[in-house]
Amino acid sequence: MNIILDNTTNNVMAELEKTQKEFWNISRKTGILLNMFIKMMNIQNALEIGTSNGYSGLWLSKALKETGGHLTTIEFYEKRQSIAIENFKICGVDDIITPIQGSACEVIKNFADDVKFDFVFIDASKREYIEYFKLIKPHMTKKSMLVADNIISHAEKVQDFVNEVDKDEEFQYEIVEVPAGILVAYRG
């Protein structure tokens, strides 16, 4: 069974897929997996690092609408964030999304200690993946999931991050061969 999205969301996603390379968006296959993960784990509080034009955020937030959850999404570039916010409004998910504009590392450093996430999706500056991981780990709940994009397509740039997850005994992970490749990690 394929995921069924409302016509408005399908139309917006089809338009966004035309600009996939320009905005560095995930593949549809990766989006469907993210959507499934959210629903399977009944995620309540998700974080996205790298909003871009909102394509992946739409996959996440459509699932979060079903679980009663919330998405916090961070984007460095104001222009991209503005496009994403408009897409979220059009698709009727802006009420469950908190967009934050700025450097992800700085934003995460400023999270209060009690800010916790049970799902984290990383798709931003590849060389900063390891830093994102170190900064966000204290904000991840037990039994949470971490997904990072571009693990195969940018293997050299993200290798330190993969090594860091690999040596962390709190996480079980696997690399999934979807377009660009994702690392899926479970914190037990």
Protein backbone atom coordinates (compact mmCIF):
# COMPACT_ATOMS: atom_id res chain seq x y z
CA MET A 1 0.00 0.00 0.00
CA ASN A 2 1.35 3.39 -0.92
CA ILE A 3 0.88 6.34 1.38
CA ILE A 4 -2.22 8.32 0.59
CA LEU A 5 -1.82 12.08 0.82
CA ASP A 6 -4.49 14.67 0.25
CA ASN A 7 -4.58 16.28 -3.22
CA THR A 8 -3.12 19.59 -2.03
CA THR A 9 -0.12 17.89 -0.41
CA ASN A 10 0.36 15.60 -3.42
CA ASN A 11 0.39 18.64 -5.71
CA VAL A 12 2.85 20.58 -3.51
CA MET A 13 5.16 17.56 -3.23
CA ALA A 14 5.06 16.99 -6.99
CA GLU A 15 6.15 20.61 -7.52
CA LEU A 16 8.90 20.30 -4.88
CA GLU A 17 10.17 17.10 -6.49
CA LYS A 18 10.86 19.09 -9.67
CA THR A 19 13.39 21.19 -7.71
CA GLN A 20 14.93 18.29 -5.77
CA LYS A 21 18.51 18.96 -6.89
CA GLU A 22 18.27 22.73 -6.40
CA PHE A 23 17.05 22.37 -2.81
CA TRP A 24 18.94 19.14 -1.95
CA ASN A 25 15.72 17.35 -1.01
CA ILE A 26 15.45 13.73 0.02
CA SER A 27 14.00 11.19 -2.40
CA ARG A 28 10.31 10.26 -2.28
CA LYS A 29 11.34 6.76 -1.15
CA THR A 30 13.24 8.26 1.81
CA GLY A 31 10.25 10.49 2.61
CA ILE A 32 7.92 7.51 2.70
CA LEU A 33 10.30 5.70 5.07
CA LEU A 34 10.49 8.71 7.39
CA ASN A 35 6.71 8.93 7.39
CA MET A 36 6.45 5.23 8.27
CA PHE A 37 9.04 5.48 11.06
CA ILE A 38 7.09 8.31 12.71
CA LYS A 39 3.85 6.33 12.63
CA MET A 40 5.40 2.98 13.62
CA MET A 41 7.08 4.47 16.70
CA ASN A 42 4.17 6.81 17.52
CA ILE A 43 6.59 9.74 17.60
CA GLN A 44 5.46 12.77 19.61
CA ASN A 45 8.34 15.22 19.37
CA ALA A 46 10.52 15.30 16.25
CA LEU A 47 13.46 17.50 15.27
CA GLU A 48 14.58 18.14 11.71
CA ILE A 49 18.00 19.66 11.10
CA GLY A 50 17.87 21.17 7.61
CA THR A 51 14.40 22.35 6.57
CA SER A 52 15.26 23.50 3.03
CA ASN A 53 11.98 24.09 1.15
CA GLY A 54 9.96 21.87 3.48
CA TYR A 55 9.80 18.66 1.43
CA SER A 56 11.06 16.31 4.14
CA GLY A 57 9.21 18.32 6.78
CA LEU A 58 5.96 17.60 4.94
CA TRP A 59 6.62 13.86 5.09
CA LEU A 60 7.43 14.13 8.79
CA SER A 61 4.55 16.43 9.71
CA LYS A 62 1.90 14.48 7.81
CA ALA A 63 2.79 11.45 9.95
CA LEU A 64 2.98 13.59 13.10
CA LYS A 65 -0.57 14.81 12.41
CA GLU A 66 -1.63 11.17 12.76
CA THR A 67 0.35 10.56 15.97
CA GLY A 68 -0.61 13.87 17.57
CA GLY A 69 3.03 14.92 17.52
CA HIS A 70 5.02 18.08 16.85
CA LEU A 71 7.94 18.99 14.56
CA THR A 72 10.70 21.48 15.30
CA THR A 73 12.70 22.24 12.17
CA ILE A 74 15.90 24.27 11.82
CA GLU A 75 17.07 26.01 8.64
CA PHE A 76 20.12 28.22 8.21
CA TYR A 77 18.92 30.11 5.12
CA GLU A 78 16.01 32.50 5.66
CA LYS A 79 14.90 32.32 1.99
CA ARG A 80 14.55 28.53 2.13
CA GLN A 81 12.76 28.68 5.45
CA SER A 82 10.26 31.19 4.06
CA ILE A 83 9.45 28.81 1.20
CA ALA A 84 9.06 25.92 3.66
CA ILE A 85 6.75 27.89 5.95
CA GLU A 86 4.51 28.71 2.98
CA ASN A 87 4.46 25.03 1.94
CA PHE A 88 3.56 23.99 5.50
CA LYS A 89 0.65 26.47 5.50
CA ILE A 90 -0.65 25.31 2.11
CA CYS A 91 -0.58 21.67 3.26
CA GLY A 92 -2.26 22.40 6.60
CA VAL A 93 0.54 21.31 8.94
CA ASP A 94 1.88 24.68 10.09
CA ASP A 95 -0.05 24.31 13.35
CA ILE A 96 2.22 21.44 14.49
CA ILE A 97 5.53 22.88 13.27
CA THR A 98 7.94 25.24 14.98
CA PRO A 99 10.39 26.59 12.37
CA ILE A 100 13.64 28.04 13.68
CA GLN A 101 16.02 30.01 11.48
CA GLY A 102 19.72 29.94 12.27
CA SER A 103 22.82 27.79 12.66
CA ALA A 104 21.71 24.34 13.83
CA CYS A 105 24.68 24.02 16.19
CA GLU A 106 23.88 27.35 17.85
CA VAL A 107 20.16 26.61 18.02
CA ILE A 108 20.70 23.20 19.63
CA LYS A 109 23.22 24.65 22.11
CA ASN A 110 20.46 27.02 23.25
CA PHE A 111 17.83 24.32 23.83
CA ALA A 112 16.75 24.14 27.46
CA ASP A 113 17.83 20.96 29.25
CA ASP A 114 14.25 19.68 29.37
CA VAL A 115 13.75 19.88 25.57
CA LYS A 116 13.55 16.25 24.43
CA PHE A 117 12.99 14.53 21.09
CA ASP A 118 12.02 10.96 20.30
CA PHE A 119 12.93 11.37 16.61
CA VAL A 120 15.74 13.35 14.94
CA PHE A 121 16.28 13.73 11.20
CA ILE A 122 19.59 15.21 10.01
CA ASP A 123 19.96 16.58 6.48
CA ALA A 124 22.10 19.71 6.61
CA SER A 125 25.83 20.53 6.40
CA LYS A 126 27.44 17.09 6.01
CA ARG A 127 30.68 18.01 7.77
CA GLU A 128 28.68 19.10 10.83
CA TYR A 129 26.79 15.80 11.25
CA ILE A 130 29.15 14.68 14.01
CA GLU A 131 28.65 17.97 15.86
CA TYR A 132 24.87 17.76 15.49
CA PHE A 133 24.98 14.25 16.93
CA LYS A 134 27.05 15.26 19.94
CA LEU A 135 24.85 18.28 20.63
CA ILE A 136 21.49 16.58 20.16
CA LYS A 137 22.22 13.32 22.01
CA PRO A 138 21.46 14.84 25.46
CA HIS A 139 18.07 15.91 24.05
CA MET A 140 17.15 12.46 22.74
CA THR A 141 14.89 10.26 24.83
CA LYS A 142 15.48 6.58 25.47
CA LYS A 143 13.88 4.49 22.72
CA SER A 144 14.32 7.33 20.23
CA MET A 145 15.30 7.19 16.57
CA LEU A 146 17.93 9.13 14.64
CA VAL A 147 17.94 9.21 10.84
CA ALA A 148 20.65 10.93 8.79
CA ASP A 149 20.51 11.46 5.01
CA ASN A 150 23.34 11.36 2.43
CA ILE A 151 25.28 8.60 4.17
CA ILE A 152 26.18 6.90 0.88
CA SER A 153 26.22 9.90 -1.48
CA HIS A 154 28.50 11.92 0.84
CA ALA A 155 30.24 8.99 2.53
CA GLU A 156 33.61 10.70 2.96
CA LYS A 157 32.13 13.86 4.49
CA VAL A 158 29.99 11.96 7.02
CA GLN A 159 32.41 9.15 7.93
CA ASP A 160 33.38 10.70 11.29
CA PHE A 161 29.69 10.87 12.18
CA VAL A 162 29.13 7.22 11.22
CA ASN A 163 32.17 6.24 13.29
CA GLU A 164 30.82 8.18 16.27
CA VAL A 165 27.43 6.45 16.10
CA ASP A 166 29.17 3.10 15.60
CA LYS A 167 31.21 3.41 18.79
CA ASP A 168 28.28 4.69 20.88
CA GLU A 169 26.95 1.65 22.76
CA GLU A 170 23.57 3.32 23.35
CA PHE A 171 22.75 3.16 19.63
CA GLN A 172 22.01 0.29 17.28
CA TYR A 173 22.17 1.36 13.63
CA GLU A 174 22.04 0.27 10.04
CA ILE A 175 22.72 2.02 6.75
CA VAL A 176 19.77 1.70 4.39
CA GLU A 177 20.44 1.83 0.66
CA VAL A 178 17.75 4.21 -0.53
CA PRO A 179 18.76 7.05 -2.87
CA ALA A 180 21.63 8.96 -1.17
CA GLY A 181 21.57 6.41 1.68
CA ILE A 182 20.33 6.92 5.22
CA LEU A 183 21.68 5.90 8.58
CA VAL A 184 18.89 4.72 10.86
CA ALA A 185 19.83 4.49 14.54
CA TYR A 186 17.78 3.38 17.52
CA ARG A 187 18.68 4.51 21.01
CA GLY A 188 17.84 1.69 23.39
